[in-house]
Amino acid sequence: MKNIIHNIRKQPEEVRRHILHIFILCFAIILFFLWIYSLGTTLMNEDTKVKMTQDLKPISALKANLIDGYNSISGSQ
């Protein structure tokens, strides 16, 4: 590992920047796939599904109130 680091230090700055960009891109891709994997396992959990449906209940109630209010104002039902 020390040889690799010393070899990179001897390279011109432009080459070192390219190596840095490639390293950052690879790291970002690995993190992205780990995030996607963990998101899939979290969303498939039964507790999460129940919590999501409970979180959407107030939004459904708000939607129903808005629709009822619009219908009462416009006179159509």
N, C-alpha and C. Protein backbone atom coordinates (compact mmCIF):
# COMPACT_ATOMS: atom_id res chain seq x y z
N MET A 1 0.82 -1.19 0.00
CA MET A 1 0.00 0.00 0.00
C MET A 1 0.87 1.26 0.00
N LYS A 2 1.97 1.21 0.76
CA LYS A 2 2.85 2.37 0.79
C LYS A 2 3.42 2.67 -0.59
N ASN A 3 3.73 1.60 -1.34
CA ASN A 3 4.27 1.80 -2.69
C ASN A 3 3.26 2.48 -3.59
N ILE A 4 2.01 2.11 -3.44
CA ILE A 4 0.96 2.73 -4.28
C ILE A 4 0.85 4.21 -3.95
N ILE A 5 0.85 4.54 -2.67
CA ILE A 5 0.73 5.95 -2.26
C ILE A 5 1.93 6.75 -2.73
N HIS A 6 3.11 6.21 -2.58
CA HIS A 6 4.32 6.92 -3.04
C HIS A 6 4.32 7.07 -4.55
N ASN A 7 3.82 6.07 -5.24
CA ASN A 7 3.74 6.14 -6.70
C ASN A 7 2.76 7.23 -7.13
N ILE A 8 1.65 7.33 -6.43
CA ILE A 8 0.66 8.36 -6.77
C ILE A 8 1.21 9.75 -6.47
N ARG A 9 1.94 9.89 -5.38
CA ARG A 9 2.53 11.19 -5.03
C ARG A 9 3.52 11.67 -6.07
N LYS A 10 4.16 10.77 -6.78
CA LYS A 10 5.14 11.14 -7.78
C LYS A 10 4.49 11.58 -9.10
N GLN A 11 3.23 11.30 -9.26
CA GLN A 11 2.54 11.64 -10.50
C GLN A 11 2.26 13.14 -10.55
N PRO A 12 2.09 13.67 -11.77
CA PRO A 12 1.71 15.08 -11.89
C PRO A 12 0.33 15.33 -11.27
N GLU A 13 0.06 16.59 -10.97
CA GLU A 13 -1.18 16.94 -10.29
C GLU A 13 -2.42 16.53 -11.10
N GLU A 14 -2.35 16.67 -12.40
CA GLU A 14 -3.50 16.31 -13.25
C GLU A 14 -3.83 14.82 -13.12
N VAL A 15 -2.83 13.99 -13.10
CA VAL A 15 -3.05 12.54 -12.96
C VAL A 15 -3.61 12.24 -11.57
N ARG A 16 -3.11 12.91 -10.55
CA ARG A 16 -3.62 12.70 -9.20
C ARG A 16 -5.08 13.12 -9.09
N ARG A 17 -5.44 14.20 -9.78
CA ARG A 17 -6.86 14.62 -9.77
C ARG A 17 -7.74 13.58 -10.45
N HIS A 18 -7.27 13.02 -11.55
CA HIS A 18 -8.05 11.98 -12.24
C HIS A 18 -8.23 10.76 -11.33
N ILE A 19 -7.19 10.38 -10.64
CA ILE A 19 -7.27 9.24 -9.71
C ILE A 19 -8.27 9.56 -8.60
N LEU A 20 -8.22 10.79 -8.09
CA LEU A 20 -9.15 11.20 -7.04
C LEU A 20 -10.59 11.15 -7.54
N HIS A 21 -10.84 11.65 -8.74
CA HIS A 21 -12.20 11.64 -9.29
C HIS A 21 -12.71 10.21 -9.49
N ILE A 22 -11.86 9.35 -9.97
CA ILE A 22 -12.26 7.95 -10.16
C ILE A 22 -12.56 7.29 -8.82
N PHE A 23 -11.72 7.56 -7.82
CA PHE A 23 -11.93 7.01 -6.48
C PHE A 23 -13.25 7.50 -5.89
N ILE A 24 -13.53 8.79 -6.01
CA ILE A 24 -14.77 9.36 -5.48
C ILE A 24 -15.98 8.78 -6.21
N LEU A 25 -15.91 8.62 -7.51
CA LEU A 25 -17.01 8.06 -8.28
C LEU A 25 -17.29 6.61 -7.87
N CYS A 26 -16.24 5.83 -7.72
CA CYS A 26 -16.43 4.43 -7.28
C CYS A 26 -17.05 4.38 -5.89
N PHE A 27 -16.58 5.21 -4.99
CA PHE A 27 -17.12 5.26 -3.64
C PHE A 27 -18.59 5.67 -3.64
N ALA A 28 -18.95 6.64 -4.48
CA ALA A 28 -20.33 7.10 -4.57
C ALA A 28 -21.23 5.99 -5.12
N ILE A 29 -20.75 5.25 -6.09
CA ILE A 29 -21.54 4.15 -6.66
C ILE A 29 -21.76 3.06 -5.61
N ILE A 30 -20.74 2.75 -4.85
CA ILE A 30 -20.89 1.75 -3.79
C ILE A 30 -21.90 2.21 -2.75
N LEU A 31 -21.82 3.47 -2.33
CA LEU A 31 -22.77 4.01 -1.36
C LEU A 31 -24.19 4.01 -1.91
N PHE A 32 -24.34 4.33 -3.19
CA PHE A 32 -25.66 4.35 -3.82
C PHE A 32 -26.29 2.96 -3.80
N PHE A 33 -25.52 1.94 -4.15
CA PHE A 33 -26.07 0.59 -4.16
C PHE A 33 -26.37 0.09 -2.75
N LEU A 34 -25.56 0.46 -1.78
CA LEU A 34 -25.86 0.11 -0.39
C LEU A 34 -27.15 0.80 0.08
N TRP A 35 -27.34 2.05 -0.32
CA TRP A 35 -28.55 2.78 0.03
C TRP A 35 -29.77 2.14 -0.60
N ILE A 36 -29.68 1.77 -1.88
CA ILE A 36 -30.80 1.12 -2.56
C ILE A 36 -31.12 -0.21 -1.89
N TYR A 37 -30.11 -0.98 -1.54
CA TYR A 37 -30.34 -2.28 -0.89
C TYR A 37 -31.03 -2.09 0.46
N SER A 38 -30.53 -1.14 1.26
CA SER A 38 -31.13 -0.93 2.58
C SER A 38 -32.53 -0.35 2.46
N LEU A 39 -32.78 0.47 1.46
CA LEU A 39 -34.11 1.02 1.25
C LEU A 39 -35.09 -0.09 0.90
N GLY A 40 -34.67 -1.03 0.07
CA GLY A 40 -35.53 -2.15 -0.29
C GLY A 40 -35.86 -3.03 0.90
N THR A 41 -34.88 -3.30 1.74
CA THR A 41 -35.15 -4.14 2.91
C THR A 41 -36.01 -3.41 3.92
N THR A 42 -35.84 -2.09 4.03
CA THR A 42 -36.66 -1.32 4.97
C THR A 42 -38.11 -1.24 4.51
N LEU A 43 -38.32 -1.03 3.23
CA LEU A 43 -39.69 -0.90 2.72
C LEU A 43 -40.43 -2.23 2.73
N MET A 44 -39.72 -3.33 2.70
CA MET A 44 -40.37 -4.63 2.71
C MET A 44 -40.75 -5.08 4.13
N ASN A 45 -40.27 -4.37 5.14
CA ASN A 45 -40.58 -4.70 6.53
C ASN A 45 -42.06 -4.43 6.81
N GLU A 46 -42.73 -5.33 7.49
CA GLU A 46 -44.16 -5.20 7.77
C GLU A 46 -44.47 -3.99 8.65
N ASP A 47 -43.61 -3.71 9.62
CA ASP A 47 -43.83 -2.56 10.50
C ASP A 47 -43.80 -1.26 9.70
N THR A 48 -42.92 -1.19 8.73
CA THR A 48 -42.81 0.00 7.90
C THR A 48 -44.06 0.18 7.05
N LYS A 49 -44.59 -0.91 6.52
CA LYS A 49 -45.81 -0.83 5.71
C LYS A 49 -46.98 -0.32 6.53
N VAL A 50 -47.10 -0.80 7.76
CA VAL A 50 -48.19 -0.34 8.63
C VAL A 50 -48.02 1.13 8.96
N LYS A 51 -46.79 1.55 9.26
CA LYS A 51 -46.54 2.95 9.59
C LYS A 51 -46.82 3.85 8.39
N MET A 52 -46.50 3.41 7.19
CA MET A 52 -46.76 4.22 6.00
C MET A 52 -48.25 4.41 5.79
N THR A 53 -49.06 3.37 6.00
CA THR A 53 -50.50 3.52 5.83
C THR A 53 -51.08 4.43 6.91
N GLN A 54 -50.54 4.37 8.12
CA GLN A 54 -51.00 5.26 9.18
C GLN A 54 -50.61 6.70 8.90
N ASP A 55 -49.46 6.91 8.32
CA ASP A 55 -49.02 8.26 8.00
C ASP A 55 -49.86 8.87 6.89
N LEU A 56 -50.44 8.06 6.02
CA LEU A 56 -51.21 8.58 4.90
C LEU A 56 -52.66 8.86 5.27
N LYS A 57 -53.14 8.40 6.41
CA LYS A 57 -54.53 8.64 6.81
C LYS A 57 -54.86 10.12 6.93
N PRO A 58 -54.04 10.95 7.56
CA PRO A 58 -54.37 12.38 7.63
C PRO A 58 -54.43 13.04 6.25
N ILE A 59 -53.61 12.58 5.34
CA ILE A 59 -53.63 13.14 3.99
C ILE A 59 -54.93 12.76 3.29
N SER A 60 -55.40 11.54 3.49
CA SER A 60 -56.67 11.11 2.90
C SER A 60 -57.82 11.92 3.48
N ALA A 61 -57.78 12.19 4.78
CA ALA A 61 -58.83 12.99 5.41
C ALA A 61 -58.81 14.42 4.86
N LEU A 62 -57.63 14.98 4.68
CA LEU A 62 -57.52 16.33 4.11
C LEU A 62 -58.06 16.36 2.70
N LYS A 63 -57.74 15.35 1.91
CA LYS A 63 -58.23 15.26 0.54
C LYS A 63 -59.76 15.19 0.53
N ALA A 64 -60.34 14.37 1.41
CA ALA A 64 -61.80 14.25 1.47
C ALA A 64 -62.43 15.58 1.87
N ASN A 65 -61.83 16.30 2.82
CA ASN A 65 -62.37 17.60 3.23
C ASN A 65 -62.30 18.61 2.09
N LEU A 66 -61.22 18.61 1.34
CA LEU A 66 -61.10 19.53 0.22
C LEU A 66 -62.14 19.24 -0.86
N ILE A 67 -62.34 17.96 -1.14
CA ILE A 67 -63.32 17.59 -2.15
C ILE A 67 -64.73 17.96 -1.70
N ASP A 68 -65.05 17.68 -0.44
CA ASP A 68 -66.37 18.04 0.09
C ASP A 68 -66.58 19.55 0.08
N GLY A 69 -65.55 20.30 0.45
CA GLY A 69 -65.65 21.76 0.43
C GLY A 69 -65.86 22.29 -0.97
N TYR A 70 -65.15 21.74 -1.93
CA TYR A 70 -65.32 22.17 -3.32
C TYR A 70 -66.72 21.84 -3.82
N ASN A 71 -67.20 20.65 -3.49
CA ASN A 71 -68.55 20.26 -3.93
C ASN A 71 -69.61 21.12 -3.29
N SER A 72 -69.45 21.53 -2.04
CA SER A 72 -70.46 22.37 -1.39
C SER A 72 -70.44 23.78 -1.96
N ILE A 73 -69.28 24.26 -2.37
CA ILE A 73 -69.20 25.60 -2.95
C ILE A 73 -69.75 25.60 -4.37
N SER A 74 -69.39 24.61 -5.15
CA SER A 74 -69.82 24.60 -6.54
C SER A 74 -71.25 24.12 -6.70
N GLY A 75 -71.81 23.48 -5.69
CA GLY A 75 -73.19 23.04 -5.75
C GLY A 75 -73.37 21.70 -6.44
N SER A 76 -72.31 21.08 -6.91
CA SER A 76 -72.44 19.79 -7.56
C SER A 76 -72.08 18.70 -6.58
N GLN A 77 -72.84 17.60 -6.66
CA GLN A 77 -72.54 16.48 -5.76
C GLN A 77 -72.65 15.20 -6.45
